[in-house]
Amino acid sequence: MHKTLLKKINSKNLSVGIFGLGYVGLPLALRFAEKKFEVYGYDVNVNKINKIKRGRSYISQIPNSKIKKYINKNLKVYSDFRSIDQLNVLIFCLPTPIKKNKSPDLSFLGNTLKQIKNKLKKGQIFIHESTSYPGTTEEYFEKIFNEKKFVVGKDCFLIFSPEREDPGNKKFNIKNITKVVSGKTNNCLNVGVKLYEKIVNKVFKAEDLKTAEMSKLMENIYRSVNIALANEMKIIAEKMEIDIWKVIEAAKSKPFGFQPFYPGPGVGGHCIPVDPYILTWKAKQFKMDTKFINLAGTINNSMPNLIAQKTYKVIKRVNKNTKKINVLILGVAFKPNVDDYREAPSQKIIQILIDRYNFNVSYCDPYVPILNKTNLNSHKMKSIKLNYKSFKKYDCVIIVTNHKLFNFDKVKKYSKLIIDTRGIYKNQKSKKIISA
């Protein structure tokens, strides 16, 4: 069966199912379709499925034309779990959020497996791509294999290959980002490597499943800790009346031993605010305290509050009456040039400015026309149109997300006061610009 699958992979004579068509699953499905595989996409969100069927994208960096090129040809999408028994490969790109108590929520994976397990058959390849604690892949998949009396490496093949999607990154994509691949057995690893070699330029073979799972957490924790360090250094430098941006420029002139990370209003997305706590939760089972992870999370999570406090203090200095203050948040996505506002620090800033300081808050972000209520922000809002002259009516503009489409010269020209959390004006001196 192992050799038969390898032949099918080489000839691309096999069908690939992608479970979860979000920021990871949809690009992956399109990449497999682009490489001439037969692809089935599954997502319980009916609105997403209907949009794809109409050739429309719900992710800003994926053009409609790319979906139209493959949909109803070698890409079919469903909101229910049909045709599971026809799949040769099942790839799971499902959400793995954390609960309020910071424990991982694997209900999306568990519920999906529960619904499809009776349709599974021998000879299928199972690939887990979602970030979780070391041991997740074996824990969730082998339970089902044991129930069905499948022998891993013989009757079925279990692989973990962590996603490395970076929305909005025009330099790196699925094709040219090295793909870490691991397998439960050597046969599993061989199958996984051969499959991914068909869609990526380079594959890295990890020692085992847990090593690959841990590597993904390592990548995200590395960024979380270093961003937290940059944020803490910014706070210290400000107290000492030192320009942190010039400090970083000087430090990064060193050709070795230093990689620049930059301060900001906090962290967002799924990777940095969420994933580190997955390891924290798992480490507690081994009676370990993840001190660096906890400290980094505390610092990064404190930044929106510090931005809001600074905004209030600055406005109070120039406006005696703070009861009728209008504030504009410029950019609410968690990073530039994307429409993803999951865990974005902008939401916390908005919540604090409205609830604590009673400011009238608006936002402008062409990528995010509607900001829905979330666990971070209870205020549903609609983006104002991007009209720089209208910035005059706001007492303060807070730059939170530095989208390339913003003309920051015009922002400066028409704004009364600017709180710059991204270092946009780091080389400019102006009384109306406050670095934060």
Protein backbone atom coordinates (compact mmCIF):
# COMPACT_ATOMS: atom_id res chain seq x y z
CA MET A 1 0.00 0.00 0.00
CA HIS A 2 2.91 2.31 0.78
CA LYS A 3 4.46 1.79 -2.66
CA THR A 4 1.08 2.16 -4.36
CA LEU A 5 0.58 5.55 -2.73
CA LEU A 6 4.04 6.70 -3.78
CA LYS A 7 3.17 5.84 -7.40
CA LYS A 8 -0.11 7.74 -7.11
CA ILE A 9 1.73 10.77 -5.72
CA ASN A 10 4.29 10.71 -8.52
CA SER A 11 1.56 10.57 -11.16
CA LYS A 12 -0.66 13.01 -9.20
CA ASN A 13 -3.41 10.44 -9.57
CA LEU A 14 -4.92 10.99 -6.17
CA SER A 15 -7.44 13.26 -4.47
CA VAL A 16 -6.60 15.67 -1.65
CA GLY A 17 -9.09 16.83 0.97
CA ILE A 18 -8.46 20.05 2.89
CA PHE A 19 -10.43 20.43 6.13
CA GLY A 20 -10.70 24.10 7.08
CA LEU A 21 -10.52 26.77 4.38
CA GLY A 22 -9.17 29.70 6.34
CA TYR A 23 -5.89 31.61 6.04
CA VAL A 24 -3.99 28.30 5.90
CA GLY A 25 -6.39 25.87 4.25
CA LEU A 26 -7.55 27.95 1.29
CA PRO A 27 -4.04 28.84 0.00
CA LEU A 28 -3.04 25.19 0.46
CA ALA A 29 -6.07 23.97 -1.49
CA LEU A 30 -5.30 26.40 -4.31
CA ARG A 31 -1.66 25.30 -4.38
CA PHE A 32 -2.60 21.64 -4.75
CA ALA A 33 -5.11 22.60 -7.46
CA GLU A 34 -2.43 24.64 -9.21
CA LYS A 35 -0.21 21.53 -9.28
CA LYS A 36 -3.00 19.54 -11.00
CA PHE A 37 -4.22 17.50 -8.04
CA GLU A 38 -7.92 16.80 -7.56
CA VAL A 39 -8.84 18.85 -4.50
CA TYR A 40 -11.85 18.77 -2.17
CA GLY A 41 -12.22 21.62 0.30
CA TYR A 42 -14.36 21.40 3.45
CA ASP A 43 -15.52 24.15 5.77
CA VAL A 44 -18.59 24.31 7.99
CA ASN A 45 -18.90 28.04 7.30
CA VAL A 46 -21.58 28.07 4.59
CA ASN A 47 -20.87 31.70 3.66
CA LYS A 48 -17.25 30.85 2.86
CA ILE A 49 -18.24 27.88 0.74
CA ASN A 50 -20.84 29.89 -1.19
CA LYS A 51 -18.31 32.63 -1.90
CA ILE A 52 -15.76 30.16 -3.23
CA LYS A 53 -18.39 28.52 -5.42
CA ARG A 54 -19.13 31.94 -6.91
CA GLY A 55 -15.42 32.47 -7.54
CA ARG A 56 -15.07 35.04 -4.80
CA SER A 57 -12.28 35.30 -2.24
CA TYR A 58 -12.79 36.25 1.40
CA ILE A 59 -9.05 36.70 1.99
CA SER A 60 -7.72 40.01 0.71
CA GLN A 61 -4.39 38.71 -0.61
CA ILE A 62 -6.05 35.95 -2.68
CA PRO A 63 -7.60 37.44 -5.85
CA ASN A 64 -10.96 36.26 -7.15
CA SER A 65 -9.26 35.30 -10.42
CA LYS A 66 -7.23 32.61 -8.69
CA ILE A 67 -10.31 30.95 -7.26
CA LYS A 68 -12.21 31.21 -10.54
CA LYS A 69 -9.32 29.47 -12.29
CA TYR A 70 -9.79 26.24 -10.33
CA ILE A 71 -13.27 26.14 -8.78
CA ASN A 72 -15.58 23.48 -10.24
CA LYS A 73 -12.64 22.15 -12.22
CA ASN A 74 -10.08 20.37 -10.06
CA LEU A 75 -11.26 22.20 -6.92
CA LYS A 76 -14.62 21.40 -5.34
CA VAL A 77 -15.80 22.74 -2.00
CA TYR A 78 -18.43 21.59 0.48
CA SER A 79 -19.95 22.67 3.78
CA ASP A 80 -20.67 19.04 4.67
CA PHE A 81 -18.41 16.00 4.80
CA ARG A 82 -19.25 14.24 1.57
CA SER A 83 -16.95 12.10 -0.60
CA ILE A 84 -14.61 11.35 2.33
CA ASP A 85 -14.18 7.76 1.19
CA GLN A 86 -12.92 9.02 -2.19
CA LEU A 87 -10.00 10.89 -0.65
CA ASN A 88 -6.45 9.61 -0.74
CA VAL A 89 -5.10 12.45 1.39
CA LEU A 90 -6.83 14.22 4.28
CA ILE A 91 -5.16 17.45 5.47
CA PHE A 92 -6.47 19.17 8.60
CA CYS A 93 -6.03 22.96 8.80
CA LEU A 94 -8.50 23.63 11.59
CA PRO A 95 -8.49 26.40 14.24
CA THR A 96 -6.76 25.64 17.54
CA PRO A 97 -7.66 28.63 19.74
CA ILE A 98 -7.17 28.84 23.48
CA LYS A 99 -9.91 29.04 26.07
CA LYS A 100 -10.27 31.76 28.69
CA ASN A 101 -8.21 29.66 31.10
CA LYS A 102 -5.40 29.55 28.46
CA SER A 103 -5.88 25.84 27.74
CA PRO A 104 -5.98 24.70 24.08
CA ASP A 105 -9.35 24.29 22.43
CA LEU A 106 -9.13 21.32 20.06
CA SER A 107 -12.87 20.95 19.59
CA PHE A 108 -12.67 21.80 15.88
CA LEU A 109 -10.30 18.91 15.25
CA GLY A 110 -12.12 16.54 17.60
CA ASN A 111 -15.57 17.25 16.16
CA THR A 112 -14.36 16.92 12.56
CA LEU A 113 -12.72 13.56 13.22
CA LYS A 114 -15.81 12.36 15.06
CA GLN A 115 -18.04 13.21 12.09
CA ILE A 116 -15.87 11.58 9.43
CA LYS A 117 -14.42 8.56 11.23
CA ASN A 118 -17.05 6.11 9.94
CA LYS A 119 -16.21 7.14 6.36
CA LEU A 120 -12.48 6.57 6.67
CA LYS A 121 -10.86 3.65 4.90
CA LYS A 122 -7.52 1.89 4.66
CA GLY A 123 -4.89 3.38 2.39
CA GLN A 124 -5.54 7.03 3.30
CA ILE A 125 -2.91 9.60 4.26
CA PHE A 126 -3.70 11.79 7.30
CA ILE A 127 -1.85 15.08 7.70
CA HIS A 128 -2.25 17.47 10.62
CA GLU A 129 -1.10 21.07 9.97
CA SER A 130 -2.69 22.97 12.86
CA THR A 131 -0.52 24.27 15.70
CA SER A 132 -0.91 22.44 19.00
CA TYR A 133 1.01 20.86 21.86
CA PRO A 134 3.48 18.02 21.25
CA GLY A 135 1.54 14.77 21.22
CA THR A 136 -1.69 16.16 19.75
CA THR A 137 -1.43 14.38 16.41
CA GLU A 138 -0.90 10.95 17.95
CA GLU A 139 -3.48 11.54 20.68
CA TYR A 140 -6.32 12.50 18.34
CA PHE A 141 -5.65 10.37 15.27
CA GLU A 142 -4.34 7.12 16.72
CA LYS A 143 -7.42 6.78 18.90
CA ILE A 144 -9.53 6.52 15.76
CA PHE A 145 -7.03 4.24 14.01
CA ASN A 146 -7.15 1.88 16.98
CA GLU A 147 -10.96 1.84 16.87
CA LYS A 148 -10.87 0.95 13.19
CA LYS A 149 -7.95 -1.46 13.69
CA PHE A 150 -5.74 0.41 11.21
CA VAL A 151 -2.01 -0.22 11.51
CA VAL A 152 -0.16 3.10 11.12
CA GLY A 153 2.49 2.89 8.42
CA LYS A 154 0.75 -0.03 6.76
CA ASP A 155 -3.02 0.55 6.58
CA CYS A 156 -2.87 4.33 7.00
CA PHE A 157 -0.21 7.02 7.17
CA LEU A 158 0.04 9.69 9.85
CA ILE A 159 1.96 12.92 9.25
CA PHE A 160 2.40 16.26 10.99
CA SER A 161 3.57 19.21 8.92
CA PRO A 162 3.15 22.60 10.62
CA GLU A 163 1.73 25.43 8.56
CA ARG A 164 4.01 28.38 7.89
CA GLU A 165 1.54 30.67 6.17
CA ASP A 166 2.30 34.39 6.45
CA PRO A 167 -0.66 36.39 5.07
CA GLY A 168 0.39 39.48 3.15
CA ASN A 169 4.00 38.36 2.66
CA LYS A 170 4.78 38.84 -1.03
CA LYS A 171 8.27 37.36 -0.79
CA PHE A 172 7.50 34.04 0.91
CA ASN A 173 4.62 31.68 0.18
CA ILE A 174 3.78 27.98 0.24
CA LYS A 175 6.05 27.32 -2.72
CA ASN A 176 9.29 28.80 -1.38
CA ILE A 177 8.92 28.33 2.39
CA THR A 178 10.72 25.20 3.59
CA LYS A 179 8.13 22.62 4.68
CA VAL A 180 8.82 20.73 7.88
CA VAL A 181 7.45 17.18 7.53
CA SER A 182 7.33 14.38 10.10
CA GLY A 183 5.79 10.94 10.20
CA LYS A 184 4.77 8.35 12.76
CA THR A 185 6.79 5.71 10.88
CA ASN A 186 9.38 5.80 8.11
CA ASN A 187 6.69 4.87 5.59
CA CYS A 188 4.58 7.77 6.84
CA LEU A 189 7.53 10.15 6.52
CA ASN A 190 8.34 8.96 3.00
CA VAL A 191 4.78 9.44 1.85
CA GLY A 192 4.56 12.90 3.42
CA VAL A 193 7.85 14.06 1.94
CA LYS A 194 6.96 12.84 -1.56
CA LEU A 195 3.59 14.55 -1.40
CA TYR A 196 4.86 17.94 -0.24
CA GLU A 197 7.76 17.84 -2.69
CA LYS A 198 5.10 18.17 -5.38
CA ILE A 199 4.01 21.60 -4.13
CA VAL A 200 7.04 23.15 -2.34
CA ASN A 201 10.65 23.77 -3.29
CA LYS A 202 12.26 22.33 -0.17
CA VAL A 203 11.27 19.85 2.53
CA PHE A 204 12.90 19.43 5.94
CA LYS A 205 12.52 15.98 7.53
CA ALA A 206 11.83 16.23 11.25
CA GLU A 207 12.89 13.41 13.56
CA ASP A 208 9.35 12.57 14.71
CA LEU A 209 5.88 14.03 15.15
CA LYS A 210 6.53 15.66 18.52
CA THR A 211 9.71 17.32 17.28
CA ALA A 212 7.80 18.90 14.40
CA GLU A 213 4.95 19.97 16.70
CA MET A 214 7.43 21.55 19.11
CA SER A 215 9.29 23.29 16.28
CA LYS A 216 6.18 25.24 15.34
CA LEU A 217 5.71 26.41 18.91
CA MET A 218 9.41 27.32 19.08
CA GLU A 219 9.08 29.55 16.01
CA ASN A 220 6.16 31.50 17.45
CA ILE A 221 7.50 31.72 20.99
CA TYR A 222 10.79 33.04 19.61
CA ARG A 223 8.92 35.93 17.99
CA SER A 224 6.75 36.55 21.04
CA VAL A 225 9.73 36.80 23.39
CA ASN A 226 11.75 39.06 21.09
CA ILE A 227 8.84 41.38 20.36
CA ALA A 228 8.24 41.61 24.11
CA LEU A 229 11.91 42.51 24.59
CA ALA A 230 11.60 45.27 21.97
CA ASN A 231 8.45 46.58 23.67
CA GLU A 232 10.10 46.60 27.10
CA MET A 233 13.19 48.32 25.70
CA LYS A 234 10.94 50.96 24.15
CA ILE A 235 9.36 51.72 27.53
CA ILE A 236 12.76 51.94 29.22
CA ALA A 237 14.24 54.07 26.44
CA GLU A 238 11.33 56.47 26.59
CA LYS A 239 11.86 57.03 30.32
CA MET A 240 15.50 57.80 29.59
CA GLU A 241 14.55 60.10 26.69
CA ILE A 242 16.29 57.84 24.17
CA ASP A 243 14.89 57.15 20.70
CA ILE A 244 14.34 53.37 20.55
CA TRP A 245 14.18 53.38 16.74
CA LYS A 246 17.68 54.84 16.53
CA VAL A 247 18.84 52.28 19.10
CA ILE A 248 17.59 49.42 16.92
CA GLU A 249 19.15 50.93 13.80
CA ALA A 250 22.50 51.10 15.56
CA ALA A 251 22.24 47.57 16.97
CA LYS A 252 21.29 45.95 13.67
CA SER A 253 24.47 47.26 12.03
CA LYS A 254 26.16 44.31 13.74
CA PRO A 255 26.52 41.57 11.08
CA PHE A 256 26.12 38.71 13.55
CA GLY A 257 24.40 37.87 16.82
CA PHE A 258 21.52 40.32 16.45
CA GLN A 259 18.19 40.17 14.63
CA PRO A 260 16.02 43.28 14.80
CA PHE A 261 12.53 43.08 16.27
CA TYR A 262 10.40 46.18 16.55
CA PRO A 263 8.10 47.55 19.24
CA GLY A 264 4.45 48.20 18.55
CA PRO A 265 0.95 48.44 20.03
CA GLY A 266 0.90 44.74 20.95
CA VAL A 267 0.64 41.48 19.06
CA GLY A 268 -2.18 39.92 17.07
CA GLY A 269 -3.18 37.09 14.79
CA HIS A 270 -3.22 33.47 15.86
CA CYS A 271 0.46 32.64 16.16
CA ILE A 272 1.97 34.99 18.72
CA PRO A 273 -0.88 35.85 21.14
CA VAL A 274 -2.27 32.29 21.21
CA ASP A 275 0.22 29.55 20.37
CA PRO A 276 2.79 30.14 23.16
CA TYR A 277 0.13 29.43 25.79
CA ILE A 278 -0.45 26.00 24.27
CA LEU A 279 3.03 25.01 25.40
CA THR A 280 2.51 26.70 28.77
CA TRP A 281 -0.55 24.52 29.33
CA LYS A 282 1.28 21.36 28.29
CA ALA A 283 4.37 22.20 30.36
CA LYS A 284 2.24 22.32 33.52
CA GLN A 285 1.57 18.59 33.06
CA PHE A 286 5.33 18.15 33.52
CA LYS A 287 5.34 20.51 36.52
CA MET A 288 7.20 23.15 34.52
CA ASP A 289 6.68 26.92 34.62
CA THR A 290 7.27 28.68 31.30
CA LYS A 291 8.70 31.90 32.73
CA PHE A 292 9.84 33.48 29.45
CA ILE A 293 6.53 32.75 27.71
CA ASN A 294 4.49 34.15 30.59
CA LEU A 295 6.60 37.29 30.90
CA ALA A 296 6.53 37.93 27.15
CA GLY A 297 2.76 37.52 27.13
CA THR A 298 2.39 39.95 30.05
CA ILE A 299 4.50 42.61 28.33
CA ASN A 300 2.87 42.25 24.91
CA ASN A 301 -0.63 42.19 26.37
CA SER A 302 0.08 45.37 28.34
CA MET A 303 0.91 47.45 25.27
CA PRO A 304 -2.67 48.35 24.19
CA ASN A 305 -3.36 49.65 27.69
CA LEU A 306 -0.17 51.74 27.65
CA ILE A 307 -1.13 53.18 24.23
CA ALA A 308 -4.60 54.08 25.51
CA GLN A 309 -3.18 55.66 28.67
CA LYS A 310 -0.67 57.71 26.72
CA THR A 311 -3.41 58.85 24.32
CA TYR A 312 -5.54 60.01 27.24
CA LYS A 313 -2.68 61.89 28.90
CA VAL A 314 -1.63 63.62 25.69
CA ILE A 315 -5.18 64.65 24.83
CA LYS A 316 -5.77 65.86 28.37
CA ARG A 317 -2.76 68.20 28.05
CA VAL A 318 -4.16 69.91 24.97
CA ASN A 319 -7.90 69.59 25.68
CA LYS A 320 -9.25 70.68 29.04
CA ASN A 321 -12.63 69.14 28.22
CA THR A 322 -12.08 65.40 27.63
CA LYS A 323 -15.79 64.57 27.52
CA LYS A 324 -16.21 65.18 23.81
CA ILE A 325 -13.05 63.72 22.36
CA ASN A 326 -13.08 62.13 18.92
CA VAL A 327 -10.35 59.57 18.21
CA LEU A 328 -9.58 57.80 14.95
CA ILE A 329 -7.84 54.41 14.92
CA LEU A 330 -5.89 54.08 11.68
CA GLY A 331 -5.73 50.39 10.81
CA VAL A 332 -7.31 47.59 12.85
CA ALA A 333 -5.86 44.48 11.16
CA PHE A 334 -3.24 42.69 13.24
CA LYS A 335 -0.51 43.28 10.62
CA PRO A 336 -0.06 45.42 7.50
CA ASN A 337 -1.79 44.68 4.20
CA VAL A 338 -4.15 41.94 5.40
CA ASP A 339 -7.80 41.77 6.43
CA ASP A 340 -7.23 39.57 9.49
CA TYR A 341 -8.04 41.24 12.81
CA ARG A 342 -7.95 38.16 15.04
CA GLU A 343 -6.52 39.11 18.45
CA ALA A 344 -5.45 42.46 17.00
CA PRO A 345 -4.26 45.02 19.61
CA SER A 346 -6.47 47.63 17.93
CA GLN A 347 -9.50 45.94 19.47
CA LYS A 348 -8.18 46.29 23.01
CA ILE A 349 -7.25 49.93 22.39
CA ILE A 350 -10.75 50.69 21.11
CA GLN A 351 -12.37 48.93 24.08
CA ILE A 352 -10.30 50.89 26.62
CA LEU A 353 -10.75 54.28 24.95
CA ILE A 354 -14.53 53.85 24.84
CA ASP A 355 -15.20 52.12 28.16
CA ARG A 356 -12.60 53.72 30.41
CA TYR A 357 -12.17 57.19 28.93
CA ASN A 358 -15.57 57.66 27.22
CA PHE A 359 -13.99 58.80 23.95
CA ASN A 360 -15.88 58.73 20.69
CA VAL A 361 -13.86 56.23 18.67
CA SER A 362 -13.95 55.60 14.92
CA TYR A 363 -11.61 53.57 12.77
CA CYS A 364 -10.40 53.55 9.19
CA ASP A 365 -9.23 50.34 7.54
CA PRO A 366 -10.16 49.55 3.92
CA TYR A 367 -9.14 45.94 4.52
CA VAL A 368 -11.64 45.57 7.38
CA PRO A 369 -14.93 47.27 6.44
CA ILE A 370 -16.73 45.75 9.44
CA LEU A 371 -15.20 45.15 12.86
CA ASN A 372 -17.40 42.59 14.59
CA LYS A 373 -17.71 42.04 18.32
CA THR A 374 -15.06 39.69 19.69
CA ASN A 375 -13.73 38.52 23.03
CA LEU A 376 -11.42 41.57 22.97
CA ASN A 377 -13.90 44.24 21.90
CA SER A 378 -17.63 44.38 22.56
CA HIS A 379 -18.24 47.25 20.11
CA LYS A 380 -19.29 46.41 16.56
CA MET A 381 -18.06 49.15 14.24
CA LYS A 382 -17.88 50.13 10.59
CA SER A 383 -14.83 51.64 8.94
CA ILE A 384 -15.06 55.25 7.79
CA LYS A 385 -14.06 55.99 4.21
CA LEU A 386 -10.43 56.87 3.64
CA ASN A 387 -10.69 60.63 3.26
CA TYR A 388 -7.62 62.35 4.67
CA LYS A 389 -9.27 65.77 4.87
CA SER A 390 -11.85 64.31 7.27
CA PHE A 391 -9.03 63.57 9.73
CA LYS A 392 -9.23 67.25 10.75
CA LYS A 393 -12.36 66.61 12.80
CA TYR A 394 -10.59 64.14 15.10
CA ASP A 395 -8.74 65.29 18.20
CA CYS A 396 -6.27 62.45 17.72
CA VAL A 397 -5.31 59.82 15.14
CA ILE A 398 -3.69 56.64 16.46
CA ILE A 399 -1.65 54.73 13.89
CA VAL A 400 -2.06 51.07 14.84
CA THR A 401 -1.61 49.21 11.54
CA ASN A 402 0.75 50.63 8.92
CA HIS A 403 -0.93 49.45 5.70
CA LYS A 404 0.99 50.41 2.57
CA LEU A 405 -2.15 51.94 1.07
CA PHE A 406 -2.11 54.71 3.68
CA ASN A 407 -0.47 57.94 2.60
CA PHE A 408 1.27 58.96 5.81
CA ASP A 409 2.30 62.35 4.44
CA LYS A 410 -1.39 63.17 4.10
CA VAL A 411 -2.11 61.66 7.50
CA LYS A 412 0.41 64.07 8.97
CA LYS A 413 -0.89 67.03 6.96
CA TYR A 414 -4.54 66.69 7.99
CA SER A 415 -4.27 65.34 11.56
CA LYS A 416 -4.29 67.58 14.63
CA LEU A 417 -2.43 65.06 16.77
CA ILE A 418 -0.87 61.68 15.92
CA ILE A 419 -0.01 58.80 18.24
CA ASP A 420 2.54 56.81 16.23
CA THR A 421 2.80 53.22 17.49
CA ARG A 422 4.69 51.92 14.43
CA GLY A 423 7.60 54.31 14.05
CA ILE A 424 6.21 55.78 10.82
CA TYR A 425 7.62 59.20 11.62
CA LYS A 426 10.70 58.03 13.52
CA ASN A 427 12.99 60.34 11.53
CA GLN A 428 10.69 63.36 11.69
CA LYS A 429 10.29 65.94 14.42
CA SER A 430 6.90 67.55 14.89
CA LYS A 431 4.91 68.75 17.89
CA LYS A 432 1.83 66.98 16.57
CA ILE A 433 3.53 63.54 16.47
CA ILE A 434 3.85 61.50 19.65
CA SER A 435 5.81 58.27 19.53
CA ALA A 436 4.16 55.47 21.47
